[in-house]
Amino acid sequence: MIITGGASSGFLVYSYLLTDPNDAILIPSPYYTMIVHHISVFTENQSVRCSLLEQDTGKFYFSVEIFEREYNEALANGLRSRMIIFINLHNPLGDVYDEMMIQPVLEFAAKKQLHVVIDEIYSLSLFANEKLFESVLNFSIVDSERTHVLWSFSKDFTLSGAHVGI
């Protein structure tokens, strides 16, 4: 367990600890912009946007295929991918990703020896009629050494000034 100055700082810490300068970090897009600020500006990593938008339908869809596609493209461009980062519940879309959606991503990451950092900062911020949230910590994790979870007090406990990340 690592205590940081907020969940955003957690992205920075994980980037410093788990990557080298110019490594690629795969991020589903759209995303909270401060993630890219922390991983690109401070650690000199390359953020690779993995678009959730399906052009044919105009809908956003989280799947392992978006990561596979961008991983292969980054590799073709000479970038070494080291990490996948995503937020569950998604910010800004608010989508809830369940085990059937996340597990294939964890399996792909394990196969490619990628770290996965999942920010669960909004885990308790659901309305009663929405899909239930389940932490990745409750899943059968393929590679527990490379699966990391971030959380913070600020969103779920409406403590916007309390920048403590876990």
Protein backbone atom coordinates (compact mmCIF):
# COMPACT_ATOMS: atom_id res chain seq x y z
CA MET A 1 0.00 0.00 0.00
CA ILE A 2 1.25 3.47 -0.95
CA ILE A 3 -0.18 6.70 0.46
CA THR A 4 -0.07 9.61 -2.02
CA GLY A 5 -1.26 13.20 -2.22
CA GLY A 6 -4.43 12.16 -4.05
CA ALA A 7 -5.30 9.61 -6.72
CA SER A 8 -3.78 11.75 -9.49
CA SER A 9 -0.48 11.68 -7.64
CA GLY A 10 -0.86 7.91 -7.52
CA PHE A 11 -0.65 7.82 -11.32
CA LEU A 12 2.58 9.78 -11.09
CA VAL A 13 4.05 7.44 -8.47
CA TYR A 14 3.14 4.32 -10.46
CA SER A 15 4.57 5.87 -13.63
CA TYR A 16 7.86 6.62 -11.88
CA LEU A 17 8.07 3.17 -10.29
CA LEU A 18 6.94 0.98 -13.18
CA THR A 19 8.11 2.69 -16.38
CA ASP A 20 11.12 4.26 -18.02
CA PRO A 21 11.13 7.55 -19.97
CA ASN A 22 9.48 7.22 -23.40
CA ASP A 23 7.58 4.06 -22.47
CA ALA A 24 3.99 3.98 -23.71
CA ILE A 25 1.05 4.00 -21.33
CA LEU A 26 -2.30 2.93 -22.78
CA ILE A 27 -5.31 5.00 -21.66
CA PRO A 28 -8.92 4.64 -22.79
CA SER A 29 -10.13 7.92 -24.28
CA PRO A 30 -11.92 10.13 -23.33
CA TYR A 31 -10.23 10.39 -19.95
CA TYR A 32 -9.55 12.73 -17.05
CA THR A 33 -6.88 15.04 -18.51
CA MET A 34 -4.70 15.26 -15.41
CA ILE A 35 -3.73 11.61 -15.91
CA VAL A 36 -1.83 12.52 -19.07
CA HIS A 37 -0.30 15.55 -17.35
CA HIS A 38 1.11 13.37 -14.59
CA ILE A 39 2.40 10.56 -16.77
CA SER A 40 3.66 12.60 -19.72
CA VAL A 41 4.99 15.86 -18.30
CA PHE A 42 6.62 14.56 -15.15
CA THR A 43 7.81 11.11 -16.23
CA GLU A 44 8.34 11.70 -19.97
CA ASN A 45 6.15 8.73 -20.87
CA GLN A 46 4.09 8.61 -24.04
CA SER A 47 0.35 8.45 -23.44
CA VAL A 48 -1.38 6.35 -26.08
CA ARG A 49 -5.07 7.10 -26.46
CA CYS A 50 -7.25 4.02 -26.87
CA SER A 51 -10.52 5.40 -28.24
CA LEU A 52 -13.67 4.05 -26.63
CA LEU A 53 -15.75 5.57 -29.44
CA GLU A 54 -16.98 3.10 -32.04
CA GLN A 55 -17.17 5.03 -35.30
CA ASP A 56 -19.93 2.81 -36.74
CA THR A 57 -22.36 3.26 -33.86
CA GLY A 58 -21.26 6.52 -32.25
CA LYS A 59 -21.30 4.75 -28.87
CA PHE A 60 -18.53 4.32 -26.32
CA TYR A 61 -17.42 0.75 -25.64
CA PHE A 62 -14.73 -0.56 -23.28
CA SER A 63 -13.09 -3.73 -24.58
CA VAL A 64 -9.77 -5.53 -24.69
CA GLU A 65 -9.66 -4.93 -28.46
CA ILE A 66 -9.01 -1.20 -28.04
CA PHE A 67 -5.93 -1.97 -25.96
CA GLU A 68 -4.71 -4.71 -28.31
CA ARG A 69 -5.03 -2.42 -31.33
CA GLU A 70 -3.15 0.50 -29.76
CA TYR A 71 -0.55 -1.79 -28.19
CA ASN A 72 0.27 -3.20 -31.63
CA GLU A 73 0.31 0.25 -33.23
CA ALA A 74 2.62 1.61 -30.52
CA LEU A 75 4.91 -1.39 -31.04
CA ALA A 76 4.95 -0.76 -34.81
CA ASN A 77 5.97 2.84 -34.06
CA GLY A 78 8.87 1.71 -31.87
CA LEU A 79 7.21 2.36 -28.51
CA ARG A 80 7.42 -0.11 -25.65
CA SER A 81 4.10 -0.28 -23.82
CA ARG A 82 4.47 -0.85 -20.10
CA MET A 83 1.15 0.02 -18.52
CA ILE A 84 -2.62 0.29 -18.97
CA ILE A 85 -4.44 2.90 -16.90
CA PHE A 86 -8.21 3.29 -16.58
CA ILE A 87 -10.82 4.67 -14.20
CA ASN A 88 -13.76 2.54 -13.05
CA LEU A 89 -16.42 4.17 -12.81
CA HIS A 90 -15.22 5.95 -15.92
CA ASN A 91 -14.49 9.67 -15.78
CA PRO A 92 -16.05 11.49 -17.69
CA LEU A 93 -18.54 8.93 -19.11
CA GLY A 94 -19.69 7.42 -15.80
CA ASP A 95 -19.73 3.89 -17.25
CA VAL A 96 -19.31 0.99 -14.82
CA TYR A 97 -16.99 -1.77 -16.02
CA ASP A 98 -17.78 -5.24 -14.74
CA GLU A 99 -15.68 -8.38 -14.48
CA MET A 100 -16.67 -9.57 -17.97
CA MET A 101 -15.23 -6.36 -19.42
CA ILE A 102 -12.14 -6.03 -17.21
CA GLN A 103 -10.99 -9.67 -17.02
CA PRO A 104 -9.97 -9.88 -20.73
CA VAL A 105 -7.94 -6.68 -20.28
CA LEU A 106 -6.16 -8.20 -17.27
CA GLU A 107 -5.47 -11.38 -19.25
CA PHE A 108 -4.09 -9.40 -22.21
CA ALA A 109 -1.91 -7.34 -19.86
CA ALA A 110 -0.58 -10.49 -18.17
CA LYS A 111 0.24 -12.02 -21.55
CA LYS A 112 2.17 -8.88 -22.58
CA GLN A 113 3.61 -8.33 -19.07
CA LEU A 114 1.94 -4.94 -18.74
CA HIS A 115 1.06 -3.30 -15.45
CA VAL A 116 -2.60 -2.33 -15.02
CA VAL A 117 -3.48 0.63 -12.79
CA ILE A 118 -7.20 0.93 -12.06
CA ASP A 119 -8.48 4.07 -10.38
CA GLU A 120 -11.58 3.24 -8.32
CA ILE A 121 -12.00 6.75 -6.92
CA TYR A 122 -15.73 6.83 -7.78
CA SER A 123 -16.51 3.32 -6.50
CA LEU A 124 -19.19 4.45 -4.03
CA SER A 125 -20.63 7.20 -6.25
CA LEU A 126 -23.52 5.30 -7.82
CA PHE A 127 -27.22 6.00 -7.99
CA ALA A 128 -29.58 3.23 -6.85
CA ASN A 129 -30.82 2.35 -10.34
CA GLU A 130 -27.37 2.01 -11.91
CA LYS A 131 -25.29 -1.08 -12.60
CA LEU A 132 -23.53 -2.29 -9.45
CA PHE A 133 -19.84 -1.58 -9.01
CA GLU A 134 -17.48 -4.38 -8.04
CA SER A 135 -13.83 -3.73 -7.25
CA VAL A 136 -11.22 -5.49 -9.33
CA LEU A 137 -9.86 -6.70 -5.99
CA ASN A 138 -12.84 -9.11 -5.91
CA PHE A 139 -11.96 -10.61 -9.30
CA SER A 140 -9.75 -13.56 -10.06
CA ILE A 141 -6.62 -11.54 -10.85
CA VAL A 142 -4.36 -13.20 -13.40
CA ASP A 143 -1.21 -11.26 -12.48
CA SER A 144 -1.48 -9.80 -8.98
CA GLU A 145 2.10 -8.49 -9.15
CA ARG A 146 1.15 -6.18 -12.04
CA THR A 147 -2.41 -5.22 -11.06
CA HIS A 148 -2.70 -2.05 -8.99
CA VAL A 149 -5.72 -0.20 -7.58
CA LEU A 150 -5.97 3.49 -6.70
CA TRP A 151 -8.60 4.99 -4.43
CA SER A 152 -9.05 8.28 -2.61
CA PHE A 153 -11.29 9.79 0.04
CA SER A 154 -12.08 12.94 -1.92
CA LYS A 155 -14.90 11.78 -4.23
CA ASP A 156 -16.81 9.16 -2.25
CA PHE A 157 -16.68 11.12 1.00
CA THR A 158 -17.01 14.59 -0.61
CA LEU A 159 -13.70 15.68 0.88
CA SER A 160 -12.43 17.64 -2.12
CA GLY A 161 -9.63 19.25 -0.11
CA ALA A 162 -8.41 15.96 1.36
CA HIS A 163 -5.83 14.86 -1.19
CA VAL A 164 -5.01 11.39 0.08
CA GLY A 165 -4.65 8.52 -2.37
CA ILE A 166 -4.31 4.88 -1.47
